[in-house]
Amino acid sequence: MGEVLCEVDFPDIPLSCSWNFDGSRFAVACKDHKLRVVDPRTGKFIRVSLVVVVVAVAVAVAVAVAAAAAAVVVVVVVVAVVA
């Protein structure tokens, strides 16, 4: 059975986690819109960055001659990491 080597306390709820290829670091996206890179051996944050997610929704309604309506929905998601 394995043993706990270290614990990492996050200031907000972790939503997603991803390890790098050799297991020396992992990145966690939290509910506070921050991306934290963690050293798993020490449990310390190597880097904390603000993640900005912008969702733009444009809705256009056109009315045809026969009084039928058509809706066009465009969704654009932009993710940017602010250092």
C-alpha atoms as a PDB file:
ATOM      1  CA  MET A   1       0.000   0.000   0.000  1.00  0.00           C
ATOM      2  CA  GLY A   2       1.265   3.499  -0.816  1.00  0.00           C
ATOM      3  CA  GLU A   3       1.844   6.301   1.629  1.00  0.00           C
ATOM      4  CA  VAL A   4       1.098  10.020   1.433  1.00  0.00           C
ATOM      5  CA  LEU A   5       4.322  11.915   0.756  1.00  0.00           C
ATOM      6  CA  CYS A   6       2.851  15.417   0.760  1.00  0.00           C
ATOM      7  CA  GLU A   7      -0.495  17.182   0.683  1.00  0.00           C
ATOM      8  CA  VAL A   8      -1.363  20.296  -1.294  1.00  0.00           C
ATOM      9  CA  ASP A   9      -3.938  22.724   0.102  1.00  0.00           C
ATOM     10  CA  PHE A  10      -5.630  24.843  -2.558  1.00  0.00           C
ATOM     11  CA  PRO A  11      -7.278  28.168  -1.643  1.00  0.00           C
ATOM     12  CA  ASP A  12     -10.256  27.324  -3.874  1.00  0.00           C
ATOM     13  CA  ILE A  13     -11.904  24.241  -5.389  1.00  0.00           C
ATOM     14  CA  PRO A  14      -9.715  22.431  -7.971  1.00  0.00           C
ATOM     15  CA  LEU A  15     -11.653  21.832 -11.197  1.00  0.00           C
ATOM     16  CA  SER A  16      -9.062  20.191 -13.444  1.00  0.00           C
ATOM     17  CA  CYS A  17      -5.581  18.699 -13.142  1.00  0.00           C
ATOM     18  CA  SER A  18      -2.940  17.663 -15.666  1.00  0.00           C
ATOM     19  CA  TRP A  19       0.536  16.151 -15.162  1.00  0.00           C
ATOM     20  CA  ASN A  20       3.534  16.885 -17.369  1.00  0.00           C
ATOM     21  CA  PHE A  21       5.180  14.009 -19.241  1.00  0.00           C
ATOM     22  CA  ASP A  22       7.767  13.043 -16.585  1.00  0.00           C
ATOM     23  CA  GLY A  23       5.648  13.659 -13.461  1.00  0.00           C
ATOM     24  CA  SER A  24       7.831  16.442 -12.084  1.00  0.00           C
ATOM     25  CA  ARG A  25       4.999  19.018 -12.102  1.00  0.00           C
ATOM     26  CA  PHE A  26       1.260  19.234 -12.435  1.00  0.00           C
ATOM     27  CA  ALA A  27      -1.080  22.097 -13.256  1.00  0.00           C
ATOM     28  CA  VAL A  28      -4.409  22.677 -11.517  1.00  0.00           C
ATOM     29  CA  ALA A  29      -7.194  24.998 -12.681  1.00  0.00           C
ATOM     30  CA  CYS A  30      -9.272  26.228  -9.742  1.00  0.00           C
ATOM     31  CA  LYS A  31     -12.665  27.855  -9.368  1.00  0.00           C
ATOM     32  CA  ASP A  32     -11.019  31.212  -8.570  1.00  0.00           C
ATOM     33  CA  HIS A  33      -9.861  31.382 -12.247  1.00  0.00           C
ATOM     34  CA  LYS A  34      -6.228  30.748 -11.348  1.00  0.00           C
ATOM     35  CA  LEU A  35      -3.895  28.161 -12.839  1.00  0.00           C
ATOM     36  CA  ARG A  36      -1.424  26.762 -10.323  1.00  0.00           C
ATOM     37  CA  VAL A  37       1.692  24.790 -11.269  1.00  0.00           C
ATOM     38  CA  VAL A  38       2.691  22.521  -8.377  1.00  0.00           C
ATOM     39  CA  ASP A  39       5.847  20.599  -7.491  1.00  0.00           C
ATOM     40  CA  PRO A  40       4.449  17.232  -6.309  1.00  0.00           C
ATOM     41  CA  ARG A  41       7.530  16.412  -4.238  1.00  0.00           C
ATOM     42  CA  THR A  42       7.257  19.505  -2.034  1.00  0.00           C
ATOM     43  CA  GLY A  43       3.597  20.470  -2.510  1.00  0.00           C
ATOM     44  CA  LYS A  44       4.601  24.089  -3.168  1.00  0.00           C
ATOM     45  CA  PHE A  45       3.205  26.292  -5.915  1.00  0.00           C
ATOM     46  CA  ILE A  46       5.821  26.966  -8.590  1.00  0.00           C
ATOM     47  CA  ARG A  47       3.650  29.467 -10.438  1.00  0.00           C
ATOM     48  CA  VAL A  48       0.195  31.004 -10.054  1.00  0.00           C
ATOM     49  CA  SER A  49      -1.400  32.677 -13.075  1.00  0.00           C
ATOM     50  CA  LEU A  50      -4.776  34.236 -13.750  1.00  0.00           C
ATOM     51  CA  VAL A  51      -6.783  32.468 -16.462  1.00  0.00           C
ATOM     52  CA  VAL A  52      -9.248  34.643 -18.340  1.00  0.00           C
ATOM     53  CA  VAL A  53     -12.073  32.871 -20.134  1.00  0.00           C
ATOM     54  CA  VAL A  54     -14.223  34.991 -22.401  1.00  0.00           C
ATOM     55  CA  VAL A  55     -17.360  33.558 -23.901  1.00  0.00           C
ATOM     56  CA  ALA A  56     -19.000  35.740 -26.499  1.00  0.00           C
ATOM     57  CA  VAL A  57     -22.442  34.779 -27.685  1.00  0.00           C
ATOM     58  CA  ALA A  58     -23.980  36.607 -30.622  1.00  0.00           C
ATOM     59  CA  VAL A  59     -27.599  35.924 -31.499  1.00  0.00           C
ATOM     60  CA  ALA A  60     -29.158  37.261 -34.693  1.00  0.00           C
ATOM     61  CA  VAL A  61     -32.794  36.717 -35.672  1.00  0.00           C
ATOM     62  CA  ALA A  62     -33.947  37.217 -39.247  1.00  0.00           C
ATOM     63  CA  VAL A  63     -37.588  37.206 -40.282  1.00  0.00           C
ATOM     64  CA  ALA A  64     -38.350  35.748 -43.680  1.00  0.00           C
ATOM     65  CA  VAL A  65     -41.129  36.873 -46.037  1.00  0.00           C
ATOM     66  CA  ALA A  66     -43.368  34.019 -44.888  1.00  0.00           C
ATOM     67  CA  ALA A  67     -43.049  35.296 -41.283  1.00  0.00           C
ATOM     68  CA  ALA A  68     -40.744  32.422 -40.333  1.00  0.00           C
ATOM     69  CA  ALA A  69     -37.873  33.240 -37.975  1.00  0.00           C
ATOM     70  CA  ALA A  70     -34.349  31.862 -38.185  1.00  0.00           C
ATOM     71  CA  ALA A  71     -31.800  32.200 -35.400  1.00  0.00           C
ATOM     72  CA  VAL A  72     -28.050  32.094 -35.789  1.00  0.00           C
ATOM     73  CA  VAL A  73     -25.969  31.505 -32.696  1.00  0.00           C
ATOM     74  CA  VAL A  74     -22.228  31.985 -32.719  1.00  0.00           C
ATOM     75  CA  VAL A  75     -20.179  30.973 -29.683  1.00  0.00           C
ATOM     76  CA  VAL A  76     -16.537  31.966 -29.419  1.00  0.00           C
ATOM     77  CA  VAL A  77     -14.380  30.792 -26.522  1.00  0.00           C
ATOM     78  CA  VAL A  78     -11.053  32.483 -25.925  1.00  0.00           C
ATOM     79  CA  VAL A  79      -8.690  31.301 -23.207  1.00  0.00           C
ATOM     80  CA  ALA A  80      -5.728  33.424 -22.252  1.00  0.00           C
ATOM     81  CA  VAL A  81      -3.211  32.982 -19.467  1.00  0.00           C
ATOM     82  CA  VAL A  82      -2.102  36.213 -17.864  1.00  0.00           C
ATOM     83  CA  ALA A  83       1.361  35.978 -16.318  1.00  0.00           C
END
